[in-house]
Amino acid sequence: MAAITKFQRYRKAKHKQGLRLVRLWAPDFRRPKFTAEVERQAKLLRGRREENDALAFIEQAFAWPER
């Protein structure tokens, strides 16, 4: 029987917690275009009612409990 790797143990533990490995592509936040787009969108929200909704969502996501 082959030895189980650290990553395999990690995956099994996460699976037992009811989690599933998902891989996805996400924007590269280190690129200047990303920063420019974030700034552009922030300017569009500034001072609008939706700004508070967006900030509340971000704060809730940041406070998401870790297990």
N, C-alpha and C. Protein backbone atom coordinates (compact mmCIF):
# COMPACT_ATOMS: atom_id res chain seq x y z
N MET A 1 0.84 -1.18 0.00
CA MET A 1 0.00 0.00 0.00
C MET A 1 0.89 1.25 0.00
N ALA A 2 0.63 2.15 -0.91
CA ALA A 2 1.44 3.36 -1.03
C ALA A 2 1.13 4.32 0.11
N ALA A 3 2.13 5.06 0.52
CA ALA A 3 1.96 6.04 1.59
C ALA A 3 1.06 7.18 1.10
N ILE A 4 0.20 7.66 1.98
CA ILE A 4 -0.68 8.77 1.63
C ILE A 4 0.10 10.08 1.81
N THR A 5 -0.06 10.98 0.85
CA THR A 5 0.68 12.24 0.90
C THR A 5 -0.03 13.24 1.82
N LYS A 6 0.70 14.26 2.18
CA LYS A 6 0.14 15.31 3.04
C LYS A 6 -1.06 15.96 2.36
N PHE A 7 -0.96 16.18 1.05
CA PHE A 7 -2.05 16.81 0.32
C PHE A 7 -3.28 15.89 0.29
N GLN A 8 -3.07 14.60 0.13
CA GLN A 8 -4.18 13.66 0.13
C GLN A 8 -4.89 13.64 1.49
N ARG A 9 -4.11 13.69 2.56
CA ARG A 9 -4.70 13.76 3.90
C ARG A 9 -5.51 15.04 4.06
N TYR A 10 -4.96 16.13 3.59
CA TYR A 10 -5.64 17.43 3.66
C TYR A 10 -6.96 17.38 2.90
N ARG A 11 -6.93 16.83 1.68
CA ARG A 11 -8.15 16.73 0.87
C ARG A 11 -9.20 15.85 1.53
N LYS A 12 -8.77 14.74 2.11
CA LYS A 12 -9.71 13.85 2.79
C LYS A 12 -10.34 14.54 3.99
N ALA A 13 -9.54 15.29 4.75
CA ALA A 13 -10.05 16.00 5.91
C ALA A 13 -11.08 17.04 5.48
N LYS A 14 -10.79 17.77 4.42
CA LYS A 14 -11.73 18.79 3.92
C LYS A 14 -13.00 18.13 3.41
N HIS A 15 -12.86 17.00 2.73
CA HIS A 15 -14.02 16.27 2.22
C HIS A 15 -14.92 15.82 3.38
N LYS A 16 -14.32 15.36 4.46
CA LYS A 16 -15.09 14.95 5.64
C LYS A 16 -15.84 16.12 6.25
N GLN A 17 -15.32 17.33 6.06
CA GLN A 17 -15.98 18.55 6.57
C GLN A 17 -17.11 18.99 5.63
N GLY A 18 -17.30 18.24 4.55
CA GLY A 18 -18.35 18.59 3.60
C GLY A 18 -17.93 19.60 2.56
N LEU A 19 -16.62 19.78 2.40
CA LEU A 19 -16.11 20.74 1.43
C LEU A 19 -15.65 20.02 0.16
N ARG A 20 -15.55 20.78 -0.90
CA ARG A 20 -15.14 20.24 -2.19
C ARG A 20 -14.11 21.18 -2.81
N LEU A 21 -13.08 20.61 -3.42
CA LEU A 21 -12.05 21.40 -4.07
C LEU A 21 -12.60 21.97 -5.38
N VAL A 22 -12.46 23.28 -5.54
CA VAL A 22 -12.89 23.97 -6.75
C VAL A 22 -11.73 24.82 -7.24
N ARG A 23 -11.46 24.73 -8.51
CA ARG A 23 -10.41 25.57 -9.10
C ARG A 23 -11.07 26.56 -10.04
N LEU A 24 -10.62 27.80 -10.00
CA LEU A 24 -11.20 28.80 -10.86
C LEU A 24 -10.17 29.87 -11.21
N TRP A 25 -10.45 30.57 -12.27
CA TRP A 25 -9.61 31.70 -12.67
C TRP A 25 -10.16 32.95 -12.03
N ALA A 26 -9.29 33.78 -11.51
CA ALA A 26 -9.70 35.03 -10.88
C ALA A 26 -8.82 36.16 -11.43
N PRO A 27 -9.32 37.38 -11.39
CA PRO A 27 -8.51 38.50 -11.87
C PRO A 27 -7.20 38.61 -11.08
N ASP A 28 -6.15 39.00 -11.78
CA ASP A 28 -4.85 39.19 -11.15
C ASP A 28 -4.82 40.59 -10.55
N PHE A 29 -4.97 40.67 -9.24
CA PHE A 29 -5.06 41.97 -8.56
C PHE A 29 -3.74 42.72 -8.56
N ARG A 30 -2.65 42.10 -9.03
CA ARG A 30 -1.35 42.79 -9.07
C ARG A 30 -1.18 43.60 -10.34
N ARG A 31 -2.06 43.42 -11.31
CA ARG A 31 -1.93 44.13 -12.58
C ARG A 31 -2.48 45.55 -12.47
N PRO A 32 -1.81 46.49 -13.11
CA PRO A 32 -2.28 47.88 -13.05
C PRO A 32 -3.71 48.05 -13.57
N LYS A 33 -4.10 47.29 -14.59
CA LYS A 33 -5.46 47.41 -15.13
C LYS A 33 -6.50 47.03 -14.08
N PHE A 34 -6.18 46.08 -13.24
CA PHE A 34 -7.11 45.67 -12.19
C PHE A 34 -7.32 46.83 -11.21
N THR A 35 -6.23 47.44 -10.78
CA THR A 35 -6.30 48.56 -9.85
C THR A 35 -7.10 49.71 -10.46
N ALA A 36 -6.85 50.00 -11.72
CA ALA A 36 -7.57 51.08 -12.39
C ALA A 36 -9.07 50.79 -12.45
N GLU A 37 -9.43 49.55 -12.71
CA GLU A 37 -10.85 49.18 -12.77
C GLU A 37 -11.51 49.27 -11.40
N VAL A 38 -10.81 48.85 -10.37
CA VAL A 38 -11.35 48.96 -9.01
C VAL A 38 -11.59 50.43 -8.67
N GLU A 39 -10.64 51.27 -8.99
CA GLU A 39 -10.79 52.70 -8.72
C GLU A 39 -11.96 53.30 -9.50
N ARG A 40 -12.10 52.89 -10.75
CA ARG A 40 -13.20 53.38 -11.59
C ARG A 40 -14.55 53.01 -10.98
N GLN A 41 -14.68 51.75 -10.57
CA GLN A 41 -15.94 51.30 -10.00
C GLN A 41 -16.22 51.96 -8.64
N ALA A 42 -15.17 52.17 -7.87
CA ALA A 42 -15.34 52.83 -6.57
C ALA A 42 -15.85 54.26 -6.77
N LYS A 43 -15.33 54.94 -7.78
CA LYS A 43 -15.78 56.31 -8.06
C LYS A 43 -17.26 56.33 -8.46
N LEU A 44 -17.69 55.30 -9.20
CA LEU A 44 -19.09 55.23 -9.60
C LEU A 44 -20.01 55.05 -8.39
N LEU A 45 -19.55 54.34 -7.39
CA LEU A 45 -20.36 54.08 -6.19
C LEU A 45 -20.35 55.22 -5.18
N ARG A 46 -19.26 55.96 -5.15
CA ARG A 46 -19.06 56.97 -4.10
C ARG A 46 -20.25 57.92 -3.99
N GLY A 47 -20.80 57.99 -2.77
CA GLY A 47 -21.90 58.91 -2.51
C GLY A 47 -23.28 58.37 -2.85
N ARG A 48 -23.36 57.18 -3.43
CA ARG A 48 -24.67 56.62 -3.79
C ARG A 48 -25.16 55.69 -2.68
N ARG A 49 -26.47 55.44 -2.69
CA ARG A 49 -27.05 54.53 -1.70
C ARG A 49 -26.43 53.14 -1.80
N GLU A 50 -26.13 52.70 -2.99
CA GLU A 50 -25.55 51.37 -3.21
C GLU A 50 -24.16 51.22 -2.59
N GLU A 51 -23.48 52.35 -2.33
CA GLU A 51 -22.17 52.29 -1.71
C GLU A 51 -22.25 51.63 -0.34
N ASN A 52 -23.24 51.98 0.45
CA ASN A 52 -23.40 51.37 1.77
C ASN A 52 -23.68 49.88 1.67
N ASP A 53 -24.50 49.48 0.69
CA ASP A 53 -24.78 48.06 0.48
C ASP A 53 -23.49 47.30 0.13
N ALA A 54 -22.69 47.88 -0.76
CA ALA A 54 -21.45 47.24 -1.18
C ALA A 54 -20.47 47.13 -0.01
N LEU A 55 -20.35 48.19 0.77
CA LEU A 55 -19.44 48.17 1.92
C LEU A 55 -19.90 47.17 2.98
N ALA A 56 -21.21 47.07 3.19
CA ALA A 56 -21.74 46.11 4.17
C ALA A 56 -21.44 44.68 3.70
N PHE A 57 -21.60 44.43 2.40
CA PHE A 57 -21.30 43.10 1.86
C PHE A 57 -19.83 42.76 2.06
N ILE A 58 -18.95 43.69 1.77
CA ILE A 58 -17.51 43.46 1.92
C ILE A 58 -17.17 43.19 3.38
N GLU A 59 -17.74 43.96 4.28
CA GLU A 59 -17.47 43.75 5.71
C GLU A 59 -17.97 42.38 6.19
N GLN A 60 -19.13 41.96 5.71
CA GLN A 60 -19.66 40.65 6.09
C GLN A 60 -18.78 39.54 5.53
N ALA A 61 -18.32 39.70 4.29
CA ALA A 61 -17.46 38.68 3.69
C ALA A 61 -16.13 38.61 4.44
N PHE A 62 -15.60 39.74 4.84
CA PHE A 62 -14.33 39.78 5.56
C PHE A 62 -14.46 39.12 6.93
N ALA A 63 -15.63 39.26 7.54
CA ALA A 63 -15.86 38.70 8.89
C ALA A 63 -16.32 37.25 8.85
N TRP A 64 -16.33 36.64 7.65
CA TRP A 64 -16.80 35.25 7.52
C TRP A 64 -16.03 34.36 8.48
N PRO A 65 -16.73 33.57 9.29
CA PRO A 65 -16.02 32.74 10.29
C PRO A 65 -15.23 31.61 9.63
N GLU A 66 -14.04 31.40 10.13
CA GLU A 66 -13.21 30.30 9.67
C GLU A 66 -13.38 29.13 10.61
N ARG A 67 -13.34 27.94 10.09
CA ARG A 67 -13.47 26.73 10.92
C ARG A 67 -12.25 25.90 10.79
